[in-house]
Amino acid sequence: MTGACERALRVGVPAIAFTEHLDFTRWGAEDPGAAIGLEPRRRTRIRPLDVPGYLAAIGDCRRRFPDLRILSGVEAGEPHLFAASTAAVVGGHPFDRILGSLHAMPFRGRLIGMPAMFGMLGPDEVLRRYFAELTRLVEGSSLFQVLAHLDFPRRYWPWSAGPYEEKEFEEEYRTVLRALARSGRVLEINTKSPLASVELIGWWHDEGGGAVSFGSDSHQDWRIGDRFDVAVDIVEAAGFRPGRDRFDFWRR
């Protein structure tokens, strides 16, 4: 976290949000996923979030870097399926920024991660199933403020399938974006994923999307602010402008 703060100041990013992953490998009693009998993902890398330790680290960074606005936050995985478990963490702590994301989706009675899905289904079907589940996430959870990495499976698109064409999934993109716009929430421009085109962000604008945020999804401090210059050009070309101040979302 220290390295990320130092990098943000070095590249001129005025604020940074540490949206730590909030994922679960077992159902809470009231989670919708448990009610439909899904088997959750069993990933050894997923651990319960140490919220007191995390918030203590945020406080330490704020003291050490007073010239940088540092936001606390979480990235909630599958919050529509882990609704009660997510709410128990989010509701009890003053997080500044909450992202919603879809890293796995129901298939054959269990949650399957996106890379594995490409080994089970054709790439077009994976993306269409993903967007359908992402729409259910947007409509089924009010716990998050910003939708992260809109087309996450695109990172794993197989080279053998040819170039990824956003236009092939325009209807699916627009369905998700329409639902997100109706909820009044924000779309993240994720610069770790293949960058969205001006046309795709234009669909967000067309569907009534009011704001975008910039996320480098870094996981390594050297990637803080990576490709933000290109992302700014994209959202400006799609009709978005800087918000009320330098810490605000960009708005239409």
C-alpha atoms as a PDB file:
ATOM      1  CA  MET A   1       0.000   0.000   0.000  1.00  0.00           C
ATOM      2  CA  THR A   2       2.902   2.321   0.733  1.00  0.00           C
ATOM      3  CA  GLY A   3       4.338   1.701  -2.717  1.00  0.00           C
ATOM      4  CA  ALA A   4       0.947   2.361  -4.307  1.00  0.00           C
ATOM      5  CA  CYS A   5       0.645   5.706  -2.521  1.00  0.00           C
ATOM      6  CA  GLU A   6       4.167   6.695  -3.551  1.00  0.00           C
ATOM      7  CA  ARG A   7       3.403   5.761  -7.144  1.00  0.00           C
ATOM      8  CA  ALA A   8       0.127   7.742  -7.142  1.00  0.00           C
ATOM      9  CA  LEU A   9       1.933  10.882  -6.008  1.00  0.00           C
ATOM     10  CA  ARG A  10       4.720  10.317  -8.518  1.00  0.00           C
ATOM     11  CA  VAL A  11       2.371  10.041 -11.529  1.00  0.00           C
ATOM     12  CA  GLY A  12       0.013  12.804 -10.409  1.00  0.00           C
ATOM     13  CA  VAL A  13      -3.049  10.756  -9.427  1.00  0.00           C
ATOM     14  CA  PRO A  14      -4.852  12.918  -6.827  1.00  0.00           C
ATOM     15  CA  ALA A  15      -6.723  10.095  -5.081  1.00  0.00           C
ATOM     16  CA  ILE A  16      -6.439   6.345  -4.695  1.00  0.00           C
ATOM     17  CA  ALA A  17      -8.993   3.767  -3.557  1.00  0.00           C
ATOM     18  CA  PHE A  18      -7.840   0.487  -2.039  1.00  0.00           C
ATOM     19  CA  THR A  19     -10.817  -1.707  -2.942  1.00  0.00           C
ATOM     20  CA  GLU A  20      -9.752  -4.949  -1.299  1.00  0.00           C
ATOM     21  CA  HIS A  21     -11.397  -8.125  -2.602  1.00  0.00           C
ATOM     22  CA  LEU A  22     -14.400  -9.291  -0.602  1.00  0.00           C
ATOM     23  CA  ASP A  23     -15.018 -12.880  -1.747  1.00  0.00           C
ATOM     24  CA  PHE A  24     -16.489 -15.914  -0.041  1.00  0.00           C
ATOM     25  CA  THR A  25     -16.010 -19.678  -0.326  1.00  0.00           C
ATOM     26  CA  ARG A  26     -19.035 -20.672   1.748  1.00  0.00           C
ATOM     27  CA  TRP A  27     -22.615 -19.497   1.948  1.00  0.00           C
ATOM     28  CA  GLY A  28     -24.146 -17.578   4.818  1.00  0.00           C
ATOM     29  CA  ALA A  29     -27.519 -18.836   5.969  1.00  0.00           C
ATOM     30  CA  GLU A  30     -29.383 -16.011   4.211  1.00  0.00           C
ATOM     31  CA  ASP A  31     -27.362 -15.872   0.992  1.00  0.00           C
ATOM     32  CA  PRO A  32     -29.470 -16.319  -2.167  1.00  0.00           C
ATOM     33  CA  GLY A  33     -26.855 -18.671  -3.601  1.00  0.00           C
ATOM     34  CA  ALA A  34     -27.446 -21.088  -0.750  1.00  0.00           C
ATOM     35  CA  ALA A  35     -31.185 -20.981  -1.340  1.00  0.00           C
ATOM     36  CA  ILE A  36     -30.807 -22.224  -4.922  1.00  0.00           C
ATOM     37  CA  GLY A  37     -28.370 -24.977  -3.923  1.00  0.00           C
ATOM     38  CA  LEU A  38     -25.251 -23.717  -5.689  1.00  0.00           C
ATOM     39  CA  GLU A  39     -21.875 -25.081  -4.725  1.00  0.00           C
ATOM     40  CA  PRO A  40     -19.525 -22.118  -4.069  1.00  0.00           C
ATOM     41  CA  ARG A  41     -16.007 -21.831  -5.421  1.00  0.00           C
ATOM     42  CA  ARG A  42     -13.331 -23.616  -3.402  1.00  0.00           C
ATOM     43  CA  ARG A  43     -10.276 -21.439  -3.888  1.00  0.00           C
ATOM     44  CA  THR A  44      -7.404 -21.652  -1.420  1.00  0.00           C
ATOM     45  CA  ARG A  45      -6.299 -18.091  -2.241  1.00  0.00           C
ATOM     46  CA  ILE A  46      -9.556 -16.628  -0.898  1.00  0.00           C
ATOM     47  CA  ARG A  47      -9.363 -15.686   2.775  1.00  0.00           C
ATOM     48  CA  PRO A  48     -11.769 -13.804   5.051  1.00  0.00           C
ATOM     49  CA  LEU A  49     -11.092 -10.079   4.871  1.00  0.00           C
ATOM     50  CA  ASP A  50      -9.312  -8.776   7.982  1.00  0.00           C
ATOM     51  CA  VAL A  51     -11.313  -5.553   8.131  1.00  0.00           C
ATOM     52  CA  PRO A  52      -9.730  -4.107  11.317  1.00  0.00           C
ATOM     53  CA  GLY A  53      -6.243  -4.759   9.958  1.00  0.00           C
ATOM     54  CA  TYR A  54      -7.166  -3.329   6.574  1.00  0.00           C
ATOM     55  CA  LEU A  55      -8.658  -0.148   8.065  1.00  0.00           C
ATOM     56  CA  ALA A  56      -5.608   0.245  10.316  1.00  0.00           C
ATOM     57  CA  ALA A  57      -3.388   0.100   7.215  1.00  0.00           C
ATOM     58  CA  ILE A  58      -5.580   2.721   5.504  1.00  0.00           C
ATOM     59  CA  GLY A  59      -5.224   4.967   8.554  1.00  0.00           C
ATOM     60  CA  ASP A  60      -1.460   4.548   8.529  1.00  0.00           C
ATOM     61  CA  CYS A  61      -1.269   5.502   4.838  1.00  0.00           C
ATOM     62  CA  ARG A  62      -3.438   8.573   5.424  1.00  0.00           C
ATOM     63  CA  ARG A  63      -1.068   9.744   8.141  1.00  0.00           C
ATOM     64  CA  ARG A  64       2.017   9.106   6.016  1.00  0.00           C
ATOM     65  CA  PHE A  65       0.642  10.665   2.806  1.00  0.00           C
ATOM     66  CA  PRO A  66      -1.448  13.711   3.798  1.00  0.00           C
ATOM     67  CA  ASP A  67      -1.273  15.181   0.273  1.00  0.00           C
ATOM     68  CA  LEU A  68      -3.043  12.158  -1.245  1.00  0.00           C
ATOM     69  CA  ARG A  69      -6.745  11.424  -0.833  1.00  0.00           C
ATOM     70  CA  ILE A  70      -6.933   7.757   0.184  1.00  0.00           C
ATOM     71  CA  LEU A  71     -10.281   5.984   0.039  1.00  0.00           C
ATOM     72  CA  SER A  72     -11.135   2.741   1.779  1.00  0.00           C
ATOM     73  CA  GLY A  73     -13.247   0.188  -0.023  1.00  0.00           C
ATOM     74  CA  VAL A  74     -14.009  -3.332  -1.137  1.00  0.00           C
ATOM     75  CA  GLU A  75     -14.671  -5.110  -4.404  1.00  0.00           C
ATOM     76  CA  ALA A  76     -17.605  -7.395  -3.645  1.00  0.00           C
ATOM     77  CA  GLY A  77     -17.593 -10.562  -5.745  1.00  0.00           C
ATOM     78  CA  GLU A  78     -21.001 -11.878  -6.803  1.00  0.00           C
ATOM     79  CA  PRO A  79     -22.864  -9.640  -4.317  1.00  0.00           C
ATOM     80  CA  HIS A  80     -26.270 -10.755  -5.637  1.00  0.00           C
ATOM     81  CA  LEU A  81     -25.497 -14.348  -4.634  1.00  0.00           C
ATOM     82  CA  PHE A  82     -23.610 -13.557  -1.398  1.00  0.00           C
ATOM     83  CA  ALA A  83     -25.985 -10.751  -0.443  1.00  0.00           C
ATOM     84  CA  ALA A  84     -26.237 -11.446   3.291  1.00  0.00           C
ATOM     85  CA  SER A  85     -22.546 -12.254   3.713  1.00  0.00           C
ATOM     86  CA  THR A  86     -21.545  -9.111   1.835  1.00  0.00           C
ATOM     87  CA  ALA A  87     -24.000  -6.932   3.734  1.00  0.00           C
ATOM     88  CA  ALA A  88     -22.673  -8.213   7.055  1.00  0.00           C
ATOM     89  CA  VAL A  89     -19.221  -6.857   6.186  1.00  0.00           C
ATOM     90  CA  VAL A  90     -20.194  -3.741   4.247  1.00  0.00           C
ATOM     91  CA  GLY A  91     -22.955  -2.686   6.621  1.00  0.00           C
ATOM     92  CA  GLY A  92     -20.738  -2.736   9.667  1.00  0.00           C
ATOM     93  CA  HIS A  93     -17.874  -0.587   8.400  1.00  0.00           C
ATOM     94  CA  PRO A  94     -17.542   2.908   6.895  1.00  0.00           C
ATOM     95  CA  PHE A  95     -16.098   2.044   3.474  1.00  0.00           C
ATOM     96  CA  ASP A  96     -15.757   4.960   1.056  1.00  0.00           C
ATOM     97  CA  ARG A  97     -16.065   3.008  -2.187  1.00  0.00           C
ATOM     98  CA  ILE A  98     -17.771  -0.310  -2.942  1.00  0.00           C
ATOM     99  CA  LEU A  99     -17.328  -2.043  -6.281  1.00  0.00           C
ATOM    100  CA  GLY A 100     -19.486  -4.862  -7.568  1.00  0.00           C
ATOM    101  CA  SER A 101     -17.926  -7.534  -9.756  1.00  0.00           C
ATOM    102  CA  LEU A 102     -18.605 -10.897 -11.335  1.00  0.00           C
ATOM    103  CA  HIS A 103     -15.648 -13.293 -11.346  1.00  0.00           C
ATOM    104  CA  ALA A 104     -17.632 -16.548 -11.405  1.00  0.00           C
ATOM    105  CA  MET A 105     -21.100 -17.586 -12.526  1.00  0.00           C
ATOM    106  CA  PRO A 106     -23.497 -20.462 -11.920  1.00  0.00           C
ATOM    107  CA  PHE A 107     -23.077 -23.428 -14.237  1.00  0.00           C
ATOM    108  CA  ARG A 108     -24.137 -27.021 -13.668  1.00  0.00           C
ATOM    109  CA  GLY A 109     -24.960 -26.412 -10.030  1.00  0.00           C
ATOM    110  CA  ARG A 110     -21.810 -24.605  -8.934  1.00  0.00           C
ATOM    111  CA  LEU A 111     -19.949 -21.330  -9.289  1.00  0.00           C
ATOM    112  CA  ILE A 112     -17.335 -21.533 -12.027  1.00  0.00           C
ATOM    113  CA  GLY A 113     -14.532 -19.014 -12.566  1.00  0.00           C
ATOM    114  CA  MET A 114     -14.331 -17.304 -15.926  1.00  0.00           C
ATOM    115  CA  PRO A 115     -11.112 -18.902 -17.214  1.00  0.00           C
ATOM    116  CA  ALA A 116     -12.560 -22.380 -16.585  1.00  0.00           C
ATOM    117  CA  MET A 117     -15.765 -21.486 -18.407  1.00  0.00           C
ATOM    118  CA  PHE A 118     -13.878 -21.201 -21.686  1.00  0.00           C
ATOM    119  CA  GLY A 119     -12.923 -24.846 -21.328  1.00  0.00           C
ATOM    120  CA  MET A 120     -16.570 -25.857 -21.024  1.00  0.00           C
ATOM    121  CA  LEU A 121     -18.385 -23.661 -23.543  1.00  0.00           C
ATOM    122  CA  GLY A 122     -17.711 -21.814 -26.751  1.00  0.00           C
ATOM    123  CA  PRO A 123     -16.396 -18.267 -26.251  1.00  0.00           C
ATOM    124  CA  ASP A 124     -19.527 -16.541 -27.594  1.00  0.00           C
ATOM    125  CA  GLU A 125     -21.728 -18.508 -25.212  1.00  0.00           C
ATOM    126  CA  VAL A 126     -19.434 -17.729 -22.266  1.00  0.00           C
ATOM    127  CA  LEU A 127     -19.774 -13.994 -22.917  1.00  0.00           C
ATOM    128  CA  ARG A 128     -23.535 -14.143 -23.397  1.00  0.00           C
ATOM    129  CA  ARG A 129     -24.009 -16.123 -20.210  1.00  0.00           C
ATOM    130  CA  TYR A 130     -21.715 -13.709 -18.420  1.00  0.00           C
ATOM    131  CA  PHE A 131     -23.653 -10.636 -19.506  1.00  0.00           C
ATOM    132  CA  ALA A 132     -26.953 -12.272 -18.530  1.00  0.00           C
ATOM    133  CA  GLU A 133     -25.583 -13.027 -15.058  1.00  0.00           C
ATOM    134  CA  LEU A 134     -24.093  -9.536 -14.812  1.00  0.00           C
ATOM    135  CA  THR A 135     -27.540  -8.079 -15.484  1.00  0.00           C
ATOM    136  CA  ARG A 136     -28.903 -10.218 -12.655  1.00  0.00           C
ATOM    137  CA  LEU A 137     -26.092  -8.908 -10.431  1.00  0.00           C
ATOM    138  CA  VAL A 138     -26.919  -5.267 -11.208  1.00  0.00           C
ATOM    139  CA  GLU A 139     -30.639  -5.792 -10.708  1.00  0.00           C
ATOM    140  CA  GLY A 140     -30.218  -8.071  -7.700  1.00  0.00           C
ATOM    141  CA  SER A 141     -27.800  -6.098  -5.526  1.00  0.00           C
ATOM    142  CA  SER A 142     -27.930  -2.530  -4.252  1.00  0.00           C
ATOM    143  CA  LEU A 143     -24.811  -2.920  -2.104  1.00  0.00           C
ATOM    144  CA  PHE A 144     -22.293  -1.473  -4.549  1.00  0.00           C
ATOM    145  CA  GLN A 145     -21.730   1.972  -6.075  1.00  0.00           C
ATOM    146  CA  VAL A 146     -19.492   1.195  -9.064  1.00  0.00           C
ATOM    147  CA  LEU A 147     -19.616  -1.727 -11.501  1.00  0.00           C
ATOM    148  CA  ALA A 148     -16.104  -3.075 -12.013  1.00  0.00           C
ATOM    149  CA  HIS A 149     -14.557  -4.478 -15.218  1.00  0.00           C
ATOM    150  CA  LEU A 150     -17.719  -4.617 -17.340  1.00  0.00           C
ATOM    151  CA  ASP A 151     -16.497  -7.389 -19.657  1.00  0.00           C
ATOM    152  CA  PHE A 152     -14.161  -9.302 -17.335  1.00  0.00           C
ATOM    153  CA  PRO A 153     -14.107 -12.580 -19.382  1.00  0.00           C
ATOM    154  CA  ARG A 154     -12.666 -10.632 -22.298  1.00  0.00           C
ATOM    155  CA  ARG A 155      -9.307 -10.964 -20.541  1.00  0.00           C
ATOM    156  CA  TYR A 156      -9.420 -14.703 -21.232  1.00  0.00           C
ATOM    157  CA  TRP A 157     -10.802 -14.591 -24.781  1.00  0.00           C
ATOM    158  CA  PRO A 158      -8.976 -17.392 -26.665  1.00  0.00           C
ATOM    159  CA  TRP A 159      -6.738 -16.312 -29.517  1.00  0.00           C
ATOM    160  CA  SER A 160      -8.067 -19.232 -31.565  1.00  0.00           C
ATOM    161  CA  ALA A 161     -11.515 -17.571 -31.642  1.00  0.00           C
ATOM    162  CA  GLY A 162     -10.195 -14.565 -33.548  1.00  0.00           C
ATOM    163  CA  PRO A 163     -10.312 -10.934 -32.440  1.00  0.00           C
ATOM    164  CA  TYR A 164     -12.836  -9.976 -29.775  1.00  0.00           C
ATOM    165  CA  GLU A 165     -15.533  -7.796 -31.339  1.00  0.00           C
ATOM    166  CA  GLU A 166     -17.556  -5.632 -28.955  1.00  0.00           C
ATOM    167  CA  LYS A 167     -20.162  -5.107 -31.676  1.00  0.00           C
ATOM    168  CA  GLU A 168     -21.014  -8.825 -31.640  1.00  0.00           C
ATOM    169  CA  PHE A 169     -22.311  -8.387 -28.081  1.00  0.00           C
ATOM    170  CA  GLU A 170     -23.835  -4.918 -28.395  1.00  0.00           C
ATOM    171  CA  GLU A 171     -27.304  -6.033 -27.316  1.00  0.00           C
ATOM    172  CA  GLU A 172     -25.873  -7.786 -24.237  1.00  0.00           C
ATOM    173  CA  TYR A 173     -23.675  -4.812 -23.333  1.00  0.00           C
ATOM    174  CA  ARG A 174     -26.590  -2.425 -23.688  1.00  0.00           C
ATOM    175  CA  THR A 175     -28.842  -4.578 -21.495  1.00  0.00           C
ATOM    176  CA  VAL A 176     -26.329  -4.437 -18.644  1.00  0.00           C
ATOM    177  CA  LEU A 177     -25.632  -0.734 -19.162  1.00  0.00           C
ATOM    178  CA  ARG A 178     -29.349   0.104 -19.255  1.00  0.00           C
ATOM    179  CA  ALA A 179     -29.923  -1.669 -15.944  1.00  0.00           C
ATOM    180  CA  LEU A 180     -26.896   0.072 -14.397  1.00  0.00           C
ATOM    181  CA  ALA A 181     -28.036   3.486 -15.649  1.00  0.00           C
ATOM    182  CA  ARG A 182     -31.533   2.961 -14.241  1.00  0.00           C
ATOM    183  CA  SER A 183     -29.965   2.310 -10.833  1.00  0.00           C
ATOM    184  CA  GLY A 184     -28.024   5.596 -10.957  1.00  0.00           C
ATOM    185  CA  ARG A 185     -24.680   3.921 -10.421  1.00  0.00           C
ATOM    186  CA  VAL A 186     -21.241   4.378 -11.972  1.00  0.00           C
ATOM    187  CA  LEU A 187     -19.346   2.430 -14.633  1.00  0.00           C
ATOM    188  CA  GLU A 188     -15.654   1.739 -14.077  1.00  0.00           C
ATOM    189  CA  ILE A 189     -13.244   2.202 -16.968  1.00  0.00           C
ATOM    190  CA  ASN A 190     -10.841  -0.605 -16.124  1.00  0.00           C
ATOM    191  CA  THR A 191      -7.378  -0.138 -17.587  1.00  0.00           C
ATOM    192  CA  LYS A 192      -6.127  -3.626 -16.733  1.00  0.00           C
ATOM    193  CA  SER A 193      -8.774  -5.160 -18.991  1.00  0.00           C
ATOM    194  CA  PRO A 194      -8.556  -4.577 -22.732  1.00  0.00           C
ATOM    195  CA  LEU A 195      -9.631  -0.951 -22.906  1.00  0.00           C
ATOM    196  CA  ALA A 196     -13.231  -0.252 -23.876  1.00  0.00           C
ATOM    197  CA  SER A 197     -13.685   1.525 -27.180  1.00  0.00           C
ATOM    198  CA  VAL A 198     -15.195   4.977 -27.608  1.00  0.00           C
ATOM    199  CA  GLU A 199     -18.183   3.237 -29.187  1.00  0.00           C
ATOM    200  CA  LEU A 200     -18.726   1.024 -26.118  1.00  0.00           C
ATOM    201  CA  ILE A 201     -18.559   3.979 -23.704  1.00  0.00           C
ATOM    202  CA  GLY A 202     -20.890   5.728 -26.130  1.00  0.00           C
ATOM    203  CA  TRP A 203     -23.413   2.947 -25.495  1.00  0.00           C
ATOM    204  CA  TRP A 204     -23.183   3.765 -21.784  1.00  0.00           C
ATOM    205  CA  HIS A 205     -23.869   7.417 -22.608  1.00  0.00           C
ATOM    206  CA  ASP A 206     -26.751   6.447 -24.931  1.00  0.00           C
ATOM    207  CA  GLU A 207     -28.396   4.278 -22.274  1.00  0.00           C
ATOM    208  CA  GLY A 208     -28.425   7.132 -19.768  1.00  0.00           C
ATOM    209  CA  GLY A 209     -25.225   6.378 -17.864  1.00  0.00           C
ATOM    210  CA  GLY A 210     -24.370   9.378 -15.760  1.00  0.00           C
ATOM    211  CA  ALA A 211     -20.773   8.856 -14.663  1.00  0.00           C
ATOM    212  CA  VAL A 212     -17.570   6.874 -15.066  1.00  0.00           C
ATOM    213  CA  SER A 213     -14.669   6.142 -12.743  1.00  0.00           C
ATOM    214  CA  PHE A 214     -11.107   5.145 -13.594  1.00  0.00           C
ATOM    215  CA  GLY A 215      -9.627   1.971 -12.148  1.00  0.00           C
ATOM    216  CA  SER A 216      -6.200   0.523 -12.850  1.00  0.00           C
ATOM    217  CA  ASP A 217      -7.114  -2.734 -11.044  1.00  0.00           C
ATOM    218  CA  SER A 218      -3.446  -2.712 -10.245  1.00  0.00           C
ATOM    219  CA  HIS A 219      -2.638  -5.487  -7.743  1.00  0.00           C
ATOM    220  CA  GLN A 220       0.936  -4.186  -8.161  1.00  0.00           C
ATOM    221  CA  ASP A 221       1.939  -0.674  -7.188  1.00  0.00           C
ATOM    222  CA  TRP A 222       3.719   0.019 -10.495  1.00  0.00           C
ATOM    223  CA  ARG A 223       0.390  -0.162 -12.340  1.00  0.00           C
ATOM    224  CA  ILE A 224      -1.301   2.673 -10.410  1.00  0.00           C
ATOM    225  CA  GLY A 225      -2.663   5.110 -12.980  1.00  0.00           C
ATOM    226  CA  ASP A 226      -1.626   2.863 -15.871  1.00  0.00           C
ATOM    227  CA  ARG A 227      -3.133   3.998 -19.221  1.00  0.00           C
ATOM    228  CA  PHE A 228      -5.305   6.641 -17.544  1.00  0.00           C
ATOM    229  CA  ASP A 229      -4.248   9.085 -20.254  1.00  0.00           C
ATOM    230  CA  VAL A 230      -5.746   6.826 -22.925  1.00  0.00           C
ATOM    231  CA  ALA A 231      -8.845   6.144 -20.822  1.00  0.00           C
ATOM    232  CA  VAL A 232      -9.420   9.890 -20.429  1.00  0.00           C
ATOM    233  CA  ASP A 233      -9.296  10.340 -24.211  1.00  0.00           C
ATOM    234  CA  ILE A 234     -11.840   7.541 -24.629  1.00  0.00           C
ATOM    235  CA  VAL A 235     -14.400   8.848 -22.156  1.00  0.00           C
ATOM    236  CA  GLU A 236     -14.037  12.415 -23.403  1.00  0.00           C
ATOM    237  CA  ALA A 237     -14.711  11.261 -26.951  1.00  0.00           C
ATOM    238  CA  ALA A 238     -17.813   9.444 -25.667  1.00  0.00           C
ATOM    239  CA  GLY A 239     -19.209  12.619 -24.068  1.00  0.00           C
ATOM    240  CA  PHE A 240     -17.998  12.586 -20.438  1.00  0.00           C
ATOM    241  CA  ARG A 241     -16.211  15.456 -18.718  1.00  0.00           C
ATOM    242  CA  PRO A 242     -14.448  16.076 -15.369  1.00  0.00           C
ATOM    243  CA  GLY A 243     -16.841  16.308 -12.441  1.00  0.00           C
ATOM    244  CA  ARG A 244     -17.319  18.924  -9.740  1.00  0.00           C
ATOM    245  CA  ASP A 245     -13.709  18.736  -8.558  1.00  0.00           C
ATOM    246  CA  ARG A 246     -10.549  16.711  -9.204  1.00  0.00           C
ATOM    247  CA  PHE A 247     -11.746  13.928  -6.875  1.00  0.00           C
ATOM    248  CA  ASP A 248     -15.178  13.496  -8.462  1.00  0.00           C
ATOM    249  CA  PHE A 249     -16.331  10.946 -11.038  1.00  0.00           C
ATOM    250  CA  TRP A 250     -16.349  12.098 -14.658  1.00  0.00           C
ATOM    251  CA  ARG A 251     -19.892  12.951 -15.710  1.00  0.00           C
ATOM    252  CA  ARG A 252     -21.948  13.442 -18.848  1.00  0.00           C
END
